[in-house]
PDB file of N, CA and C in Angstrom:
ATOM      1  N   MET A   1      29.947 -46.324 -15.399  1.00  0.00           N
ATOM      2  CA  MET A   1      31.283 -47.176 -14.648  1.00  0.00           C
ATOM      3  C   MET A   1      32.446 -45.403 -15.295  1.00  0.00           C
ATOM      4  N   ASP A   2      33.423 -45.920 -14.402  1.00  0.00           N
ATOM      5  CA  ASP A   2      34.227 -45.067 -15.067  1.00  0.00           C
ATOM      6  C   ASP A   2      35.910 -45.327 -14.864  1.00  0.00           C
ATOM      7  N   ALA A   3      36.942 -45.208 -15.771  1.00  0.00           N
ATOM      8  CA  ALA A   3      38.130 -45.759 -16.244  1.00  0.00           C
ATOM      9  C   ALA A   3      39.427 -44.796 -15.383  1.00  0.00           C
ATOM     10  N   LEU A   4      40.273 -45.220 -14.887  1.00  0.00           N
ATOM     11  CA  LEU A   4      41.241 -44.097 -14.311  1.00  0.00           C
ATOM     12  C   LEU A   4      42.241 -44.438 -14.686  1.00  0.00           C
ATOM     13  N   ALA A   5      43.620 -43.323 -14.817  1.00  0.00           N
ATOM     14  CA  ALA A   5      44.772 -43.131 -15.298  1.00  0.00           C
ATOM     15  C   ALA A   5      45.367 -42.848 -14.599  1.00  0.00           C
ATOM     16  N   LYS A   6      46.709 -42.740 -13.841  1.00  0.00           N
ATOM     17  CA  LYS A   6      47.546 -42.485 -13.005  1.00  0.00           C
ATOM     18  C   LYS A   6      49.012 -41.860 -13.307  1.00  0.00           C
ATOM     19  N   TRP A   7      49.723 -41.160 -13.405  1.00  0.00           N
ATOM     20  CA  TRP A   7      51.008 -40.410 -13.602  1.00  0.00           C
ATOM     21  C   TRP A   7      51.679 -40.122 -13.000  1.00  0.00           C
ATOM     22  N   ASN A   8      52.404 -40.499 -11.730  1.00  0.00           N
ATOM     23  CA  ASN A   8      53.020 -40.051 -10.528  1.00  0.00           C
ATOM     24  C   ASN A   8      54.583 -39.855 -11.017  1.00  0.00           C
ATOM     25  N   TYR A   9      54.916 -38.704 -10.312  1.00  0.00           N
ATOM     26  CA  TYR A   9      56.659 -38.014 -10.344  1.00  0.00           C
ATOM     27  C   TYR A   9      56.338 -37.501 -11.750  1.00  0.00           C
ATOM     28  N   VAL A  10      56.007 -36.859 -12.480  1.00  0.00           N
ATOM     29  CA  VAL A  10      56.109 -35.916 -13.548  1.00  0.00           C
ATOM     30  C   VAL A  10      56.736 -35.194 -13.269  1.00  0.00           C
ATOM     31  N   ARG A  11      57.867 -34.542 -14.101  1.00  0.00           N
ATOM     32  CA  ARG A  11      58.778 -33.471 -13.733  1.00  0.00           C
ATOM     33  C   ARG A  11      58.408 -32.155 -14.956  1.00  0.00           C
ATOM     34  N   VAL A  12      57.120 -31.829 -14.023  1.00  0.00           N
ATOM     35  CA  VAL A  12      56.357 -30.512 -14.820  1.00  0.00           C
ATOM     36  C   VAL A  12      55.645 -29.934 -12.977  1.00  0.00           C
ATOM     37  N   SER A  13      55.862 -28.540 -13.422  1.00  0.00           N
ATOM     38  CA  SER A  13      54.842 -27.874 -12.788  1.00  0.00           C
ATOM     39  C   SER A  13      53.576 -28.154 -12.674  1.00  0.00           C
ATOM     40  N   PRO A  14      53.108 -28.288 -11.380  1.00  0.00           N
ATOM     41  CA  PRO A  14      51.697 -28.518 -10.907  1.00  0.00           C
ATOM     42  C   PRO A  14      50.620 -26.961 -11.752  1.00  0.00           C
ATOM     43  N   ARG A  15      51.623 -26.309 -10.884  1.00  0.00           N
ATOM     44  CA  ARG A  15      50.508 -25.230 -11.528  1.00  0.00           C
ATOM     45  C   ARG A  15      50.551 -25.201 -13.224  1.00  0.00           C
ATOM     46  N   LYS A  16      52.025 -25.205 -14.017  1.00  0.00           N
ATOM     47  CA  LYS A  16      51.627 -25.354 -15.758  1.00  0.00           C
ATOM     48  C   LYS A  16      50.738 -25.890 -16.008  1.00  0.00           C
ATOM     49  N   ALA A  17      51.142 -27.260 -15.336  1.00  0.00           N
ATOM     50  CA  ALA A  17      49.918 -28.683 -15.810  1.00  0.00           C
ATOM     51  C   ALA A  17      48.590 -28.121 -16.077  1.00  0.00           C
ATOM     52  N   ARG A  18      48.160 -27.615 -14.395  1.00  0.00           N
ATOM     53  CA  ARG A  18      46.602 -26.951 -14.198  1.00  0.00           C
ATOM     54  C   ARG A  18      46.145 -26.776 -15.077  1.00  0.00           C
ATOM     55  N   LEU A  19      46.927 -25.494 -16.005  1.00  0.00           N
ATOM     56  CA  LEU A  19      46.303 -24.483 -16.702  1.00  0.00           C
ATOM     57  C   LEU A  19      46.302 -25.251 -17.744  1.00  0.00           C
ATOM     58  N   VAL A  20      46.681 -26.389 -18.120  1.00  0.00           N
ATOM     59  CA  VAL A  20      46.125 -27.030 -19.378  1.00  0.00           C
ATOM     60  C   VAL A  20      45.418 -28.306 -19.210  1.00  0.00           C
ATOM     61  N   ALA A  21      45.317 -28.505 -17.877  1.00  0.00           N
ATOM     62  CA  ALA A  21      44.237 -29.612 -17.500  1.00  0.00           C
ATOM     63  C   ALA A  21      42.737 -29.483 -17.544  1.00  0.00           C
ATOM     64  N   ASP A  22      42.978 -27.383 -16.937  1.00  0.00           N
ATOM     65  CA  ASP A  22      41.550 -26.810 -16.740  1.00  0.00           C
ATOM     66  C   ASP A  22      40.554 -26.546 -18.176  1.00  0.00           C
ATOM     67  N   LEU A  23      41.615 -26.536 -19.601  1.00  0.00           N
ATOM     68  CA  LEU A  23      40.900 -26.637 -20.599  1.00  0.00           C
ATOM     69  C   LEU A  23      40.272 -27.905 -21.195  1.00  0.00           C
ATOM     70  N   VAL A  24      40.723 -28.952 -20.335  1.00  0.00           N
ATOM     71  CA  VAL A  24      40.165 -30.718 -21.209  1.00  0.00           C
ATOM     72  C   VAL A  24      39.040 -31.691 -19.980  1.00  0.00           C
ATOM     73  N   ARG A  25      38.708 -30.478 -19.130  1.00  0.00           N
ATOM     74  CA  ARG A  25      37.596 -31.323 -18.102  1.00  0.00           C
ATOM     75  C   ARG A  25      36.589 -31.168 -18.684  1.00  0.00           C
ATOM     76  N   GLY A  26      35.612 -31.522 -18.906  1.00  0.00           N
ATOM     77  CA  GLY A  26      34.385 -32.224 -18.900  1.00  0.00           C
ATOM     78  C   GLY A  26      34.643 -32.328 -20.873  1.00  0.00           C
ATOM     79  N   LEU A  27      35.317 -31.703 -21.606  1.00  0.00           N
ATOM     80  CA  LEU A  27      34.932 -32.289 -22.696  1.00  0.00           C
ATOM     81  C   LEU A  27      35.246 -34.189 -23.107  1.00  0.00           C
ATOM     82  N   ASP A  28      34.684 -34.325 -24.349  1.00  0.00           N
ATOM     83  CA  ASP A  28      34.237 -35.163 -25.014  1.00  0.00           C
ATOM     84  C   ASP A  28      36.335 -35.888 -25.616  1.00  0.00           C
ATOM     85  N   ALA A  29      36.562 -37.104 -25.216  1.00  0.00           N
ATOM     86  CA  ALA A  29      37.680 -37.698 -24.711  1.00  0.00           C
ATOM     87  C   ALA A  29      37.952 -37.462 -26.502  1.00  0.00           C
ATOM     88  N   ASP A  30      37.648 -37.564 -27.598  1.00  0.00           N
ATOM     89  CA  ASP A  30      38.058 -37.213 -29.335  1.00  0.00           C
ATOM     90  C   ASP A  30      38.607 -35.938 -28.985  1.00  0.00           C
ATOM     91  N   GLU A  31      37.556 -35.056 -28.526  1.00  0.00           N
ATOM     92  CA  GLU A  31      37.877 -33.630 -29.091  1.00  0.00           C
ATOM     93  C   GLU A  31      39.138 -32.575 -27.496  1.00  0.00           C
ATOM     94  N   ALA A  32      39.034 -33.684 -26.014  1.00  0.00           N
ATOM     95  CA  ALA A  32      40.103 -33.418 -25.762  1.00  0.00           C
ATOM     96  C   ALA A  32      41.422 -33.758 -26.322  1.00  0.00           C
ATOM     97  N   VAL A  33      41.547 -34.943 -26.494  1.00  0.00           N
ATOM     98  CA  VAL A  33      42.634 -35.304 -27.609  1.00  0.00           C
ATOM     99  C   VAL A  33      42.932 -34.248 -28.742  1.00  0.00           C
ATOM    100  N   GLU A  34      42.100 -33.993 -29.904  1.00  0.00           N
ATOM    101  CA  GLU A  34      42.203 -32.672 -30.530  1.00  0.00           C
ATOM    102  C   GLU A  34      42.754 -31.831 -29.849  1.00  0.00           C
ATOM    103  N   LEU A  35      42.292 -31.296 -28.692  1.00  0.00           N
ATOM    104  CA  LEU A  35      42.574 -29.564 -28.156  1.00  0.00           C
ATOM    105  C   LEU A  35      44.200 -29.998 -28.070  1.00  0.00           C
ATOM    106  N   LEU A  36      44.259 -30.746 -26.947  1.00  0.00           N
ATOM    107  CA  LEU A  36      46.054 -31.039 -26.463  1.00  0.00           C
ATOM    108  C   LEU A  36      46.745 -31.578 -27.892  1.00  0.00           C
ATOM    109  N   LEU A  37      46.488 -31.926 -28.728  1.00  0.00           N
ATOM    110  CA  LEU A  37      47.586 -31.929 -29.656  1.00  0.00           C
ATOM    111  C   LEU A  37      47.982 -30.456 -30.417  1.00  0.00           C
ATOM    112  N   ARG A  38      46.906 -30.014 -29.936  1.00  0.00           N
ATOM    113  CA  ARG A  38      46.952 -28.797 -30.764  1.00  0.00           C
ATOM    114  C   ARG A  38      47.756 -27.378 -29.676  1.00  0.00           C
ATOM    115  N   THR A  39      47.830 -27.629 -28.218  1.00  0.00           N
ATOM    116  CA  THR A  39      47.854 -26.931 -27.349  1.00  0.00           C
ATOM    117  C   THR A  39      49.268 -26.800 -27.003  1.00  0.00           C
ATOM    118  N   ASN A  40      49.816 -25.583 -27.181  1.00  0.00           N
ATOM    119  CA  ASN A  40      51.484 -25.299 -27.484  1.00  0.00           C
ATOM    120  C   ASN A  40      51.855 -24.980 -25.681  1.00  0.00           C
ATOM    121  N   LYS A  41      51.968 -26.129 -24.883  1.00  0.00           N
ATOM    122  CA  LYS A  41      52.465 -26.507 -24.063  1.00  0.00           C
ATOM    123  C   LYS A  41      53.096 -27.668 -23.612  1.00  0.00           C
ATOM    124  N   ARG A  42      54.302 -27.570 -23.033  1.00  0.00           N
ATOM    125  CA  ARG A  42      54.865 -29.229 -22.577  1.00  0.00           C
ATOM    126  C   ARG A  42      54.142 -29.774 -21.739  1.00  0.00           C
ATOM    127  N   ALA A  43      53.082 -29.287 -20.968  1.00  0.00           N
ATOM    128  CA  ALA A  43      52.416 -30.192 -20.331  1.00  0.00           C
ATOM    129  C   ALA A  43      51.306 -31.362 -20.785  1.00  0.00           C
ATOM    130  N   ALA A  44      50.580 -29.960 -22.146  1.00  0.00           N
ATOM    131  CA  ALA A  44      49.566 -31.232 -23.218  1.00  0.00           C
ATOM    132  C   ALA A  44      50.337 -32.227 -23.516  1.00  0.00           C
ATOM    133  N   GLY A  45      51.526 -32.686 -23.409  1.00  0.00           N
ATOM    134  CA  GLY A  45      51.564 -33.862 -24.393  1.00  0.00           C
ATOM    135  C   GLY A  45      51.994 -34.547 -22.847  1.00  0.00           C
ATOM    136  N   LEU A  46      52.194 -34.445 -22.042  1.00  0.00           N
ATOM    137  CA  LEU A  46      52.043 -35.577 -20.546  1.00  0.00           C
ATOM    138  C   LEU A  46      50.706 -36.016 -20.286  1.00  0.00           C
ATOM    139  N   ILE A  47      49.894 -34.723 -20.497  1.00  0.00           N
ATOM    140  CA  ILE A  47      48.333 -34.792 -20.371  1.00  0.00           C
ATOM    141  C   ILE A  47      47.704 -35.594 -21.428  1.00  0.00           C
ATOM    142  N   LEU A  48      48.354 -35.527 -22.483  1.00  0.00           N
ATOM    143  CA  LEU A  48      47.876 -36.229 -23.531  1.00  0.00           C
ATOM    144  C   LEU A  48      48.137 -37.792 -23.821  1.00  0.00           C
ATOM    145  N   LYS A  49      48.814 -38.076 -22.801  1.00  0.00           N
ATOM    146  CA  LYS A  49      49.704 -39.641 -22.839  1.00  0.00           C
ATOM    147  C   LYS A  49      49.058 -40.464 -21.469  1.00  0.00           C
ATOM    148  N   VAL A  50      47.998 -39.879 -20.466  1.00  0.00           N
ATOM    149  CA  VAL A  50      47.733 -40.103 -19.070  1.00  0.00           C
ATOM    150  C   VAL A  50      45.818 -40.203 -19.981  1.00  0.00           C
ATOM    151  N   LEU A  51      45.594 -39.370 -21.183  1.00  0.00           N
ATOM    152  CA  LEU A  51      44.109 -39.651 -21.574  1.00  0.00           C
ATOM    153  C   LEU A  51      44.003 -40.165 -22.108  1.00  0.00           C
ATOM    154  N   GLN A  52      45.232 -40.762 -23.476  1.00  0.00           N
ATOM    155  CA  GLN A  52      45.017 -41.786 -24.033  1.00  0.00           C
ATOM    156  C   GLN A  52      44.864 -43.444 -23.033  1.00  0.00           C
ATOM    157  N   SER A  53      45.772 -43.280 -21.419  1.00  0.00           N
ATOM    158  CA  SER A  53      46.020 -44.093 -21.178  1.00  0.00           C
ATOM    159  C   SER A  53      44.264 -44.624 -20.226  1.00  0.00           C
ATOM    160  N   ALA A  54      43.867 -43.856 -20.241  1.00  0.00           N
ATOM    161  CA  ALA A  54      42.921 -43.639 -18.978  1.00  0.00           C
ATOM    162  C   ALA A  54      41.631 -44.353 -20.336  1.00  0.00           C
ATOM    163  N   VAL A  55      41.503 -44.009 -21.780  1.00  0.00           N
ATOM    164  CA  VAL A  55      40.647 -44.140 -22.506  1.00  0.00           C
ATOM    165  C   VAL A  55      41.168 -45.894 -22.920  1.00  0.00           C
ATOM    166  N   ALA A  56      42.162 -46.261 -23.338  1.00  0.00           N
ATOM    167  CA  ALA A  56      42.415 -47.470 -23.517  1.00  0.00           C
ATOM    168  C   ALA A  56      41.939 -48.378 -21.918  1.00  0.00           C
ATOM    169  N   ASN A  57      41.999 -48.252 -20.861  1.00  0.00           N
ATOM    170  CA  ASN A  57      41.596 -49.128 -20.194  1.00  0.00           C
ATOM    171  C   ASN A  57      40.589 -48.428 -19.900  1.00  0.00           C
ATOM    172  N   ALA A  58      39.401 -47.690 -19.895  1.00  0.00           N
ATOM    173  CA  ALA A  58      37.942 -47.489 -20.485  1.00  0.00           C
ATOM    174  C   ALA A  58      37.498 -48.935 -21.460  1.00  0.00           C
ATOM    175  N   PHE A  59      38.615 -48.881 -22.658  1.00  0.00           N
ATOM    176  CA  PHE A  59      38.700 -50.383 -23.430  1.00  0.00           C
ATOM    177  C   PHE A  59      38.507 -51.488 -23.158  1.00  0.00           C
ATOM    178  N   ASP A  60      39.362 -51.489 -22.252  1.00  0.00           N
ATOM    179  CA  ASP A  60      39.432 -52.656 -21.512  1.00  0.00           C
ATOM    180  C   ASP A  60      38.723 -53.405 -20.686  1.00  0.00           C
ATOM    181  N   LEU A  61      37.658 -52.439 -20.089  1.00  0.00           N
ATOM    182  CA  LEU A  61      36.564 -52.638 -18.769  1.00  0.00           C
ATOM    183  C   LEU A  61      35.636 -52.875 -20.095  1.00  0.00           C
ATOM    184  N   GLY A  62      35.305 -52.537 -21.304  1.00  0.00           N
ATOM    185  CA  GLY A  62      34.811 -53.150 -22.564  1.00  0.00           C
ATOM    186  C   GLY A  62      33.738 -51.668 -22.265  1.00  0.00           C
ATOM    187  N   LEU A  63      33.721 -50.165 -22.077  1.00  0.00           N
ATOM    188  CA  LEU A  63      32.737 -49.755 -21.906  1.00  0.00           C
ATOM    189  C   LEU A  63      32.654 -49.040 -23.742  1.00  0.00           C
ATOM    190  N   ASP A  64      32.009 -48.008 -24.085  1.00  0.00           N
ATOM    191  CA  ASP A  64      31.937 -47.465 -24.784  1.00  0.00           C
ATOM    192  C   ASP A  64      32.554 -46.338 -25.305  1.00  0.00           C
ATOM    193  N   VAL A  65      34.077 -46.583 -26.035  1.00  0.00           N
ATOM    194  CA  VAL A  65      34.859 -45.375 -26.328  1.00  0.00           C
ATOM    195  C   VAL A  65      34.453 -44.265 -26.771  1.00  0.00           C
ATOM    196  N   ASP A  66      33.710 -44.128 -27.675  1.00  0.00           N
ATOM    197  CA  ASP A  66      32.776 -42.899 -28.652  1.00  0.00           C
ATOM    198  C   ASP A  66      32.150 -42.289 -27.644  1.00  0.00           C
ATOM    199  N   GLU A  67      31.430 -42.538 -26.602  1.00  0.00           N
ATOM    200  CA  GLU A  67      30.886 -41.735 -25.716  1.00  0.00           C
ATOM    201  C   GLU A  67      31.420 -41.397 -24.524  1.00  0.00           C
ATOM    202  N   MET A  68      32.742 -41.495 -24.586  1.00  0.00           N
ATOM    203  CA  MET A  68      33.682 -41.140 -23.291  1.00  0.00           C
ATOM    204  C   MET A  68      34.052 -39.662 -23.010  1.00  0.00           C
ATOM    205  N   TYR A  69      33.976 -39.063 -21.963  1.00  0.00           N
ATOM    206  CA  TYR A  69      34.626 -37.914 -21.909  1.00  0.00           C
ATOM    207  C   TYR A  69      35.118 -37.392 -20.574  1.00  0.00           C
ATOM    208  N   VAL A  70      35.892 -35.963 -20.651  1.00  0.00           N
ATOM    209  CA  VAL A  70      36.923 -36.719 -19.217  1.00  0.00           C
ATOM    210  C   VAL A  70      36.260 -35.991 -17.997  1.00  0.00           C
ATOM    211  N   SER A  71      35.564 -37.222 -17.566  1.00  0.00           N
ATOM    212  CA  SER A  71      34.487 -36.623 -16.013  1.00  0.00           C
ATOM    213  C   SER A  71      35.517 -36.078 -14.902  1.00  0.00           C
ATOM    214  N   SER A  72      36.883 -36.167 -14.799  1.00  0.00           N
ATOM    215  CA  SER A  72      37.465 -35.579 -13.851  1.00  0.00           C
ATOM    216  C   SER A  72      38.951 -35.414 -14.053  1.00  0.00           C
ATOM    217  N   ILE A  73      39.276 -34.733 -13.856  1.00  0.00           N
ATOM    218  CA  ILE A  73      40.691 -34.788 -14.357  1.00  0.00           C
ATOM    219  C   ILE A  73      41.597 -33.579 -13.433  1.00  0.00           C
ATOM    220  N   TYR A  74      42.479 -33.547 -12.640  1.00  0.00           N
ATOM    221  CA  TYR A  74      43.607 -33.156 -11.621  1.00  0.00           C
ATOM    222  C   TYR A  74      45.054 -33.367 -11.320  1.00  0.00           C
ATOM    223  N   VAL A  75      45.809 -31.987 -10.835  1.00  0.00           N
ATOM    224  CA  VAL A  75      46.881 -32.398 -11.287  1.00  0.00           C
ATOM    225  C   VAL A  75      47.890 -32.016  -9.582  1.00  0.00           C
ATOM    226  N   ASN A  76      48.277 -32.939  -8.518  1.00  0.00           N
ATOM    227  CA  ASN A  76      48.451 -32.877  -7.360  1.00  0.00           C
ATOM    228  C   ASN A  76      50.087 -32.580  -7.422  1.00  0.00           C
ATOM    229  N   GLU A  77      50.069 -31.794  -6.148  1.00  0.00           N
ATOM    230  CA  GLU A  77      51.847 -31.469  -5.274  1.00  0.00           C
ATOM    231  C   GLU A  77      52.473 -32.873  -5.902  1.00  0.00           C
ATOM    232  N   GLY A  78      53.423 -32.948  -6.454  1.00  0.00           N
ATOM    233  CA  GLY A  78      54.578 -34.156  -5.919  1.00  0.00           C
ATOM    234  C   GLY A  78      55.896 -33.961  -5.095  1.00  0.00           C
ATOM    235  N   PRO A  79      56.686 -34.207  -4.913  1.00  0.00           N
ATOM    236  CA  PRO A  79      57.579 -34.179  -3.730  1.00  0.00           C
ATOM    237  C   PRO A  79      58.522 -32.917  -4.925  1.00  0.00           C
ATOM    238  N   ARG A  80      59.359 -32.283  -4.402  1.00  0.00           N
ATOM    239  CA  ARG A  80      60.408 -31.338  -4.756  1.00  0.00           C
ATOM    240  C   ARG A  80      62.152 -32.289  -4.689  1.00  0.00           C
ATOM    241  N   LEU A  81      62.288 -31.926  -5.755  1.00  0.00           N
ATOM    242  CA  LEU A  81      64.410 -31.955  -5.667  1.00  0.00           C
ATOM    243  C   LEU A  81      64.803 -30.992  -5.715  1.00  0.00           C
ATOM    244  N   LYS A  82      65.248 -30.841  -4.171  1.00  0.00           N
ATOM    245  CA  LYS A  82      66.133 -29.695  -3.972  1.00  0.00           C
ATOM    246  C   LYS A  82      67.465 -29.767  -4.264  1.00  0.00           C
ATOM    247  N   ARG A  83      67.799 -28.785  -4.987  1.00  0.00           N
ATOM    248  CA  ARG A  83      69.490 -28.750  -5.712  1.00  0.00           C
ATOM    249  C   ARG A  83      69.954 -27.133  -5.496  1.00  0.00           C
ATOM    250  N   MET A  84      71.010 -27.265  -5.750  1.00  0.00           N
ATOM    251  CA  MET A  84      72.120 -26.197  -5.604  1.00  0.00           C
ATOM    252  C   MET A  84      72.614 -25.456  -6.034  1.00  0.00           C
ATOM    253  N   ARG A  85      72.747 -24.141  -6.364  1.00  0.00           N
ATOM    254  CA  ARG A  85      72.896 -23.367  -7.538  1.00  0.00           C
ATOM    255  C   ARG A  85      74.450 -22.283  -7.306  1.00  0.00           C
ATOM    256  N   ALA A  86      75.313 -22.756  -8.304  1.00  0.00           N
ATOM    257  CA  ALA A  86      76.767 -21.350  -7.544  1.00  0.00           C
ATOM    258  C   ALA A  86      76.335 -20.194  -7.738  1.00  0.00           C
ATOM    259  N   SER A  87      76.113 -19.314  -7.485  1.00  0.00           N
ATOM    260  CA  SER A  87      76.081 -17.995  -7.428  1.00  0.00           C
ATOM    261  C   SER A  87      77.056 -17.198  -6.275  1.00  0.00           C
ATOM    262  N   ALA A  88      76.849 -15.826  -6.498  1.00  0.00           N
ATOM    263  CA  ALA A  88      77.648 -15.066  -6.337  1.00  0.00           C
ATOM    264  C   ALA A  88      78.970 -14.894  -5.662  1.00  0.00           C
ATOM    265  N   ARG A  89      79.818 -14.903  -5.381  1.00  0.00           N
ATOM    266  CA  ARG A  89      80.955 -14.448  -4.190  1.00  0.00           C
ATOM    267  C   ARG A  89      80.882 -15.475  -3.434  1.00  0.00           C
ATOM    268  N   GLY A  90      80.678 -16.947  -4.298  1.00  0.00           N
ATOM    269  CA  GLY A  90      81.346 -18.238  -4.040  1.00  0.00           C
ATOM    270  C   GLY A  90      80.083 -18.817  -2.794  1.00  0.00           C
ATOM    271  N   ARG A  91      78.987 -18.156  -2.925  1.00  0.00           N
ATOM    272  CA  ARG A  91      77.512 -18.740  -2.752  1.00  0.00           C
ATOM    273  C   ARG A  91      77.238 -19.766  -3.073  1.00  0.00           C
ATOM    274  N   ALA A  92      76.079 -20.558  -2.619  1.00  0.00           N
ATOM    275  CA  ALA A  92      75.592 -21.497  -3.186  1.00  0.00           C
ATOM    276  C   ALA A  92      73.475 -20.768  -3.085  1.00  0.00           C
ATOM    277  N   ALA A  93      73.358 -21.019  -4.328  1.00  0.00           N
ATOM    278  CA  ALA A  93      71.649 -20.668  -4.135  1.00  0.00           C
ATOM    279  C   ALA A  93      70.622 -21.477  -4.336  1.00  0.00           C
ATOM    280  N   PRO A  94      69.688 -22.362  -3.462  1.00  0.00           N
ATOM    281  CA  PRO A  94      69.183 -23.240  -3.395  1.00  0.00           C
ATOM    282  C   PRO A  94      67.463 -22.951  -4.977  1.00  0.00           C
ATOM    283  N   TYR A  95      67.245 -24.007  -5.325  1.00  0.00           N
ATOM    284  CA  TYR A  95      66.048 -23.791  -6.251  1.00  0.00           C
ATOM    285  C   TYR A  95      65.513 -25.464  -6.612  1.00  0.00           C
ATOM    286  N   LYS A  96      64.531 -25.441  -6.687  1.00  0.00           N
ATOM    287  CA  LYS A  96      63.230 -26.503  -6.418  1.00  0.00           C
ATOM    288  C   LYS A  96      62.878 -26.787  -7.731  1.00  0.00           C
ATOM    289  N   HIS A  97      63.146 -28.092  -8.015  1.00  0.00           N
ATOM    290  CA  HIS A  97      62.547 -28.588  -8.917  1.00  0.00           C
ATOM    291  C   HIS A  97      61.350 -29.692  -9.019  1.00  0.00           C
ATOM    292  N   ARG A  98      60.317 -29.110  -9.317  1.00  0.00           N
ATOM    293  CA  ARG A  98      59.128 -29.516  -8.639  1.00  0.00           C
ATOM    294  C   ARG A  98      58.197 -30.130  -9.481  1.00  0.00           C
ATOM    295  N   MET A  99      57.005 -31.662  -9.102  1.00  0.00           N
ATOM    296  CA  MET A  99      57.194 -32.872  -9.518  1.00  0.00           C
ATOM    297  C   MET A  99      55.374 -32.805  -9.147  1.00  0.00           C
ATOM    298  N   ALA A 100      54.610 -33.400 -10.664  1.00  0.00           N
ATOM    299  CA  ALA A 100      53.077 -33.662 -10.539  1.00  0.00           C
ATOM    300  C   ALA A 100      52.635 -34.669 -10.457  1.00  0.00           C
ATOM    301  N   HIS A 101      51.620 -34.967  -9.909  1.00  0.00           N
ATOM    302  CA  HIS A 101      51.200 -36.499  -9.415  1.00  0.00           C
ATOM    303  C   HIS A 101      49.444 -36.097 -10.882  1.00  0.00           C
ATOM    304  N   ILE A 102      49.794 -36.627 -11.787  1.00  0.00           N
ATOM    305  CA  ILE A 102      48.112 -36.160 -13.007  1.00  0.00           C
ATOM    306  C   ILE A 102      47.386 -38.274 -12.812  1.00  0.00           C
ATOM    307  N   VAL A 103      46.192 -37.134 -12.973  1.00  0.00           N
ATOM    308  CA  VAL A 103      44.614 -38.190 -12.961  1.00  0.00           C
ATOM    309  C   VAL A 103      43.815 -37.773 -13.579  1.00  0.00           C
ATOM    310  N   VAL A 104      43.800 -38.787 -14.633  1.00  0.00           N
ATOM    311  CA  VAL A 104      42.429 -38.435 -15.086  1.00  0.00           C
ATOM    312  C   VAL A 104      41.621 -39.423 -15.213  1.00  0.00           C
ATOM    313  N   LYS A 105      40.256 -39.205 -15.560  1.00  0.00           N
ATOM    314  CA  LYS A 105      39.202 -40.025 -14.899  1.00  0.00           C
ATOM    315  C   LYS A 105      37.814 -40.137 -16.210  1.00  0.00           C
ATOM    316  N   VAL A 106      37.796 -41.023 -16.982  1.00  0.00           N
ATOM    317  CA  VAL A 106      37.133 -40.746 -18.257  1.00  0.00           C
ATOM    318  C   VAL A 106      36.027 -41.400 -18.093  1.00  0.00           C
ATOM    319  N   SER A 107      34.842 -41.267 -18.372  1.00  0.00           N
ATOM    320  CA  SER A 107      33.222 -41.726 -17.853  1.00  0.00           C
ATOM    321  C   SER A 107      32.733 -41.710 -19.043  1.00  0.00           C
ATOM    322  N   GLU A 108      31.538 -42.557 -18.967  1.00  0.00           N
ATOM    323  CA  GLU A 108      30.835 -43.140 -20.337  1.00  0.00           C
ATOM    324  C   GLU A 108      29.551 -42.196 -20.250  1.00  0.00           C
ATOM    325  N   ARG A 109      29.117 -41.310 -20.790  1.00  0.00           N
ATOM    326  CA  ARG A 109      27.668 -40.074 -21.062  1.00  0.00           C
ATOM    327  C   ARG A 109      26.880 -40.892 -21.341  1.00  0.00           C
ATOM    328  N   GLU A 110      25.839 -40.551 -19.918  1.00  0.00           N
ATOM    329  CA  GLU A 110      24.732 -41.321 -19.901  1.00  0.00           C
ATOM    330  C   GLU A 110      23.736 -40.288 -20.410  1.00  0.00           C
ATOM    331  N   TRP A 111      22.554 -40.785 -21.944  1.00  0.00           N
ATOM    332  CA  TRP A 111      22.426 -40.623 -22.374  1.00  0.00           C
ATOM    333  C   TRP A 111      20.366 -40.680 -21.886  1.00  0.00           C
ATOM    334  N   GLY A 112      19.959 -39.688 -20.961  1.00  0.00           N
ATOM    335  CA  GLY A 112      18.375 -39.646 -20.486  1.00  0.00           C
ATOM    336  C   GLY A 112      17.220 -38.892 -21.131  1.00  0.00           C
ATOM    337  N   LEU A 113      16.265 -38.775 -20.438  1.00  0.00           N
ATOM    338  CA  LEU A 113      15.345 -37.739 -21.165  1.00  0.00           C
ATOM    339  C   LEU A 113      15.054 -36.618 -20.681  1.00  0.00           C
ATOM    340  N   ASP A 114      16.202 -36.352 -19.614  1.00  0.00           N
ATOM    341  CA  ASP A 114      16.466 -35.245 -18.738  1.00  0.00           C
ATOM    342  C   ASP A 114      17.004 -34.295 -20.040  1.00  0.00           C
ATOM    343  N   ASP A 115      18.162 -34.889 -20.680  1.00  0.00           N
ATOM    344  CA  ASP A 115      18.662 -33.880 -21.967  1.00  0.00           C
ATOM    345  C   ASP A 115      19.093 -32.941 -23.053  1.00  0.00           C
ATOM    346  N   GLU A 116      19.203 -32.208 -23.429  1.00  0.00           N
ATOM    347  CA  GLU A 116      18.446 -31.658 -24.456  1.00  0.00           C
ATOM    348  C   GLU A 116      17.968 -32.273 -25.779  1.00  0.00           C
ATOM    349  N   GLU A 117      18.798 -33.228 -26.159  1.00  0.00           N
ATOM    350  CA  GLU A 117      19.220 -33.942 -27.421  1.00  0.00           C
ATOM    351  C   GLU A 117      17.963 -34.955 -27.429  1.00  0.00           C
ATOM    352  N   GLY A 118      17.618 -35.589 -25.912  1.00  0.00           N
ATOM    353  CA  GLY A 118      16.163 -36.855 -25.336  1.00  0.00           C
ATOM    354  C   GLY A 118      15.033 -36.537 -25.537  1.00  0.00           C
ATOM    355  N   ALA A 119      15.569 -35.141 -24.995  1.00  0.00           N
ATOM    356  CA  ALA A 119      13.959 -34.364 -24.804  1.00  0.00           C
ATOM    357  C   ALA A 119      13.266 -34.032 -26.163  1.00  0.00           C
ATOM    358  N   ALA A 120      13.520 -34.125 -27.048  1.00  0.00           N
ATOM    359  CA  ALA A 120      12.972 -33.497 -28.384  1.00  0.00           C
ATOM    360  C   ALA A 120      12.306 -34.596 -28.853  1.00  0.00           C
TER     361      ALA A 120
END
C-alpha cells in the first residue's frame, strides 16, 4: 500500500527542485529526512515538508513507518507568473516566476525470500 502527498503551486523552479528530488528517490524515509536536513538547497526544505506529510499519511493508514521508503518522487512544472521589470531607455523587460508541483509517494518495503537478507 502507498501513501501520497502533494504540494501544488510551490514557488521554486522545477529544475532546481528536481536536483534535490533525485537525491532522495529510493531511499528509506528516515535516511531521506536526514539527507534533506543536511542539503544546502532551498528546495530541500520544501521537499522535506512534503515527505513528512507523506509519512504522516502512511501512519494514518496504519502502515509501518519504520519500513517506509520513497518509492516515487517527481516535480512537475506549474504555471508561471509573468512580470515586467524596468529596463534601459524606458523600456520593460519580461521575466517569469516559475512554480512547481511536488509529489511524493512512500511505500512499505516488502521483505521476501528474493531479497539478499531473506535468502540467507
